[in-house]
Amino acid sequence: MLRTFNLERTAQAAAVLLRETEGWRMPYIRLIKLLYLADRESIQETNFPITGDDLYAMEHGPVLTLTLDLLRGRMVTPAAREAMPIWKQWIRTVADYDVELVADPGYRKLSRYEIRKLKEIAGRYADQDHWSLIDELHNTLPEWRETYQFDGSSSRIDERKLLEVLGLGEQADEILAEAASYQSLDHRHPVGVA
């Protein structure tokens, strides 16, 4: 894992994206794709993701797995059960497939770079509906194509594979060692809420 998952940081990242839409609402599948893209580009540019969530390849493209559970309102893992009451203070699932920002989680966990990156991603895909975004990701993301089994299941996207497709393969050992050292220093709450 390149960074420990942090609930507040992820909610703040989602809030930045939701604020960029009319009514602060969008389909959760769109939000999860935009968060994935922001994490991916942040890894490429800084060696660290924004959310720290686990990356998975699923039928409709790559996802951040715990964030997807929170957006869907599922409490299938202990981490999701622990995070859900906190998450719902800020982001609520409505009409089964949409999510909306209901309270401001603030920005304090995000850097200026991360806020800028999230807004850049939102702007880049503003005119694209979520189905065409999914199609684009299927066609352009080798880590998804090389990981997904095309059988309806989900598979974890290997971080080393992702670093390779991002052009960071030669630095992978160094990046993963640095990430491990940061994680060993991270003694916060398991879902990253102080």
Protein backbone atom coordinates (compact mmCIF):
# COMPACT_ATOMS: atom_id res chain seq x y z
CA MET A 1 0.00 0.00 0.00
CA LEU A 2 1.43 3.37 -1.02
CA ARG A 3 -0.35 5.25 1.76
CA THR A 4 -2.62 4.32 4.67
CA PHE A 5 -6.32 4.86 3.92
CA ASN A 6 -7.59 7.99 5.62
CA LEU A 7 -11.33 8.50 5.94
CA GLU A 8 -11.24 12.27 6.48
CA ARG A 9 -8.83 12.81 3.61
CA THR A 10 -10.97 10.65 1.29
CA ALA A 11 -14.18 12.45 2.30
CA GLN A 12 -12.46 15.80 1.72
CA ALA A 13 -11.27 14.64 -1.71
CA ALA A 14 -14.80 13.47 -2.58
CA ALA A 15 -16.16 16.82 -1.35
CA VAL A 16 -13.82 18.75 -3.67
CA LEU A 17 -15.16 16.74 -6.63
CA LEU A 18 -18.80 17.03 -5.52
CA ARG A 19 -18.48 20.81 -5.09
CA GLU A 20 -17.48 20.98 -8.76
CA THR A 21 -20.90 19.63 -9.83
CA GLU A 22 -24.30 21.28 -9.93
CA GLY A 23 -26.24 20.52 -6.78
CA TRP A 24 -23.16 18.90 -5.22
CA ARG A 25 -24.48 15.54 -6.42
CA MET A 26 -23.36 12.88 -8.94
CA PRO A 27 -23.63 9.14 -9.63
CA TYR A 28 -21.37 7.30 -7.20
CA ILE A 29 -19.79 5.37 -10.08
CA ARG A 30 -18.60 8.69 -11.55
CA LEU A 31 -17.22 9.85 -8.21
CA ILE A 32 -15.29 6.61 -7.68
CA LYS A 33 -13.76 6.88 -11.18
CA LEU A 34 -12.71 10.50 -10.64
CA LEU A 35 -11.16 9.62 -7.27
CA TYR A 36 -9.31 6.71 -8.88
CA LEU A 37 -7.96 8.96 -11.62
CA ALA A 38 -6.86 11.56 -9.06
CA ASP A 39 -5.08 8.86 -7.01
CA ARG A 40 -3.45 7.48 -10.16
CA GLU A 41 -2.15 10.85 -11.33
CA SER A 42 -1.01 11.76 -7.83
CA ILE A 43 1.00 8.52 -7.69
CA GLN A 44 2.56 9.32 -11.06
CA GLU A 45 3.44 12.89 -10.06
CA THR A 46 4.29 12.54 -6.33
CA ASN A 47 4.66 8.75 -5.70
CA PHE A 48 1.70 8.91 -3.28
CA PRO A 49 -2.08 8.55 -3.79
CA ILE A 50 -4.52 11.00 -2.28
CA THR A 51 -6.82 8.49 -0.54
CA GLY A 52 -4.59 5.53 0.24
CA ASP A 53 -7.45 3.16 -0.58
CA ASP A 54 -6.86 -0.30 -2.11
CA LEU A 55 -7.15 -0.36 -5.90
CA TYR A 56 -9.30 -3.04 -7.51
CA ALA A 57 -10.27 -3.95 -11.07
CA MET A 58 -14.01 -4.58 -11.41
CA GLU A 59 -16.39 -5.01 -14.32
CA HIS A 60 -17.00 -1.27 -14.74
CA GLY A 61 -13.34 -0.36 -14.40
CA PRO A 62 -10.93 0.41 -11.58
CA VAL A 63 -12.21 1.39 -8.13
CA LEU A 64 -11.07 2.35 -4.66
CA THR A 65 -12.56 -0.55 -2.72
CA LEU A 66 -13.35 0.84 0.76
CA THR A 67 -14.52 4.12 -0.75
CA LEU A 68 -16.83 2.17 -3.06
CA ASP A 69 -18.33 0.34 -0.06
CA LEU A 70 -18.92 3.69 1.66
CA LEU A 71 -20.50 5.22 -1.45
CA ARG A 72 -22.77 2.19 -1.87
CA GLY A 73 -23.66 2.24 1.82
CA ARG A 74 -22.26 -1.26 2.33
CA MET A 75 -20.69 -2.28 5.60
CA VAL A 76 -19.10 -5.53 4.46
CA THR A 77 -15.71 -5.08 6.13
CA PRO A 78 -14.85 -4.05 9.70
CA ALA A 79 -13.23 -0.89 8.32
CA ALA A 80 -16.43 0.03 6.44
CA ARG A 81 -18.58 -0.63 9.53
CA GLU A 82 -16.32 1.62 11.57
CA ALA A 83 -16.16 4.38 8.94
CA MET A 84 -19.80 4.47 7.81
CA PRO A 85 -21.29 6.63 10.61
CA ILE A 86 -18.53 9.20 10.16
CA TRP A 87 -18.76 9.14 6.34
CA LYS A 88 -22.54 9.64 6.39
CA GLN A 89 -22.06 12.92 8.26
CA TRP A 90 -20.57 14.35 5.07
CA ILE A 91 -21.64 12.24 2.08
CA ARG A 92 -24.98 10.55 1.64
CA THR A 93 -26.17 8.01 -0.92
CA VAL A 94 -29.44 9.10 -2.52
CA ALA A 95 -31.72 7.46 -5.08
CA ASP A 96 -29.62 4.25 -4.94
CA TYR A 97 -26.96 5.36 -7.42
CA ASP A 98 -26.18 9.01 -6.60
CA VAL A 99 -24.24 10.59 -3.79
CA GLU A 100 -24.42 14.13 -2.48
CA LEU A 101 -22.42 16.32 -0.20
CA VAL A 102 -24.52 17.07 2.88
CA ALA A 103 -21.93 18.70 5.17
CA ASP A 104 -18.52 20.23 4.70
CA PRO A 105 -15.66 17.95 5.82
CA GLY A 106 -13.22 20.80 5.25
CA TYR A 107 -9.86 20.68 3.50
CA ARG A 108 -7.27 20.41 6.27
CA LYS A 109 -6.04 16.91 5.33
CA LEU A 110 -5.44 17.85 1.68
CA SER A 111 -2.46 19.69 0.26
CA ARG A 112 -2.82 22.51 -2.27
CA TYR A 113 -1.48 20.12 -4.90
CA GLU A 114 -4.18 17.54 -4.07
CA ILE A 115 -7.00 20.10 -4.21
CA ARG A 116 -5.66 21.42 -7.52
CA LYS A 117 -5.36 17.87 -8.92
CA LEU A 118 -8.93 16.99 -7.90
CA LYS A 119 -10.32 20.16 -9.50
CA GLU A 120 -8.26 19.50 -12.63
CA ILE A 121 -9.71 15.97 -12.90
CA ALA A 122 -13.25 17.29 -12.36
CA GLY A 123 -12.79 19.91 -15.06
CA ARG A 124 -11.22 17.52 -17.54
CA TYR A 125 -14.19 15.14 -17.39
CA ALA A 126 -16.97 17.68 -16.74
CA ASP A 127 -18.58 17.18 -20.15
CA GLN A 128 -18.35 13.39 -20.12
CA ASP A 129 -21.15 11.26 -18.66
CA HIS A 130 -20.20 8.38 -16.38
CA TRP A 131 -20.74 5.66 -19.00
CA SER A 132 -18.43 7.29 -21.53
CA LEU A 133 -15.92 7.84 -18.71
CA ILE A 134 -16.06 4.11 -17.92
CA ASP A 135 -15.55 3.27 -21.61
CA GLU A 136 -12.55 5.59 -21.78
CA LEU A 137 -10.97 4.02 -18.69
CA HIS A 138 -11.50 0.51 -20.12
CA ASN A 139 -9.63 1.57 -23.25
CA THR A 140 -6.83 3.61 -21.69
CA LEU A 141 -5.83 2.03 -18.37
CA PRO A 142 -3.51 -0.97 -18.84
CA GLU A 143 -3.52 -1.80 -15.12
CA TRP A 144 -7.27 -2.50 -15.37
CA ARG A 145 -7.05 -4.48 -18.62
CA GLU A 146 -4.17 -6.60 -17.30
CA THR A 147 -5.83 -7.27 -13.93
CA TYR A 148 -9.56 -7.70 -14.57
CA GLN A 149 -10.55 -11.34 -15.16
CA PHE A 150 -13.62 -10.54 -17.33
CA ASP A 151 -15.77 -12.88 -15.25
CA GLY A 152 -17.66 -10.41 -13.06
CA SER A 153 -15.29 -10.78 -10.11
CA SER A 154 -12.90 -8.21 -8.69
CA SER A 155 -9.13 -8.43 -8.49
CA ARG A 156 -6.65 -6.28 -6.60
CA ILE A 157 -4.51 -4.09 -8.83
CA ASP A 158 -0.89 -4.77 -7.94
CA GLU A 159 0.90 -1.57 -6.90
CA ARG A 160 4.10 -2.66 -8.61
CA LYS A 161 2.18 -3.19 -11.88
CA LEU A 162 0.60 0.26 -11.51
CA LEU A 163 4.00 1.86 -10.91
CA GLU A 164 5.28 0.11 -14.06
CA VAL A 165 2.47 1.39 -16.29
CA LEU A 166 2.98 4.87 -14.86
CA GLY A 167 6.63 4.77 -15.94
CA LEU A 168 7.91 4.35 -12.39
CA GLY A 169 8.91 0.66 -12.62
CA GLU A 170 12.63 1.31 -12.12
CA GLN A 171 11.85 3.25 -8.95
CA ALA A 172 9.24 0.79 -7.64
CA ASP A 173 11.40 -0.74 -4.89
CA GLU A 174 12.37 2.69 -3.59
CA ILE A 175 8.80 4.06 -3.76
CA LEU A 176 7.33 1.00 -2.00
CA ALA A 177 10.06 1.08 0.70
CA GLU A 178 9.41 4.78 1.33
CA ALA A 179 5.67 4.13 1.55
CA ALA A 180 6.25 1.28 4.02
CA SER A 181 8.39 3.51 6.23
CA TYR A 182 5.66 6.17 6.32
CA GLN A 183 3.05 3.55 7.17
CA SER A 184 5.10 2.21 10.05
CA LEU A 185 5.05 5.73 11.51
CA ASP A 186 1.29 6.03 11.07
CA HIS A 187 -0.21 5.06 14.44
CA ARG A 188 -3.50 6.83 13.93
CA HIS A 189 -6.99 5.42 14.08
CA PRO A 190 -7.34 2.49 11.62
CA VAL A 191 -9.55 4.44 9.24
CA GLY A 192 -7.56 7.61 9.68
CA VAL A 193 -9.85 9.74 11.82
CA ALA A 194 -8.25 11.49 14.76
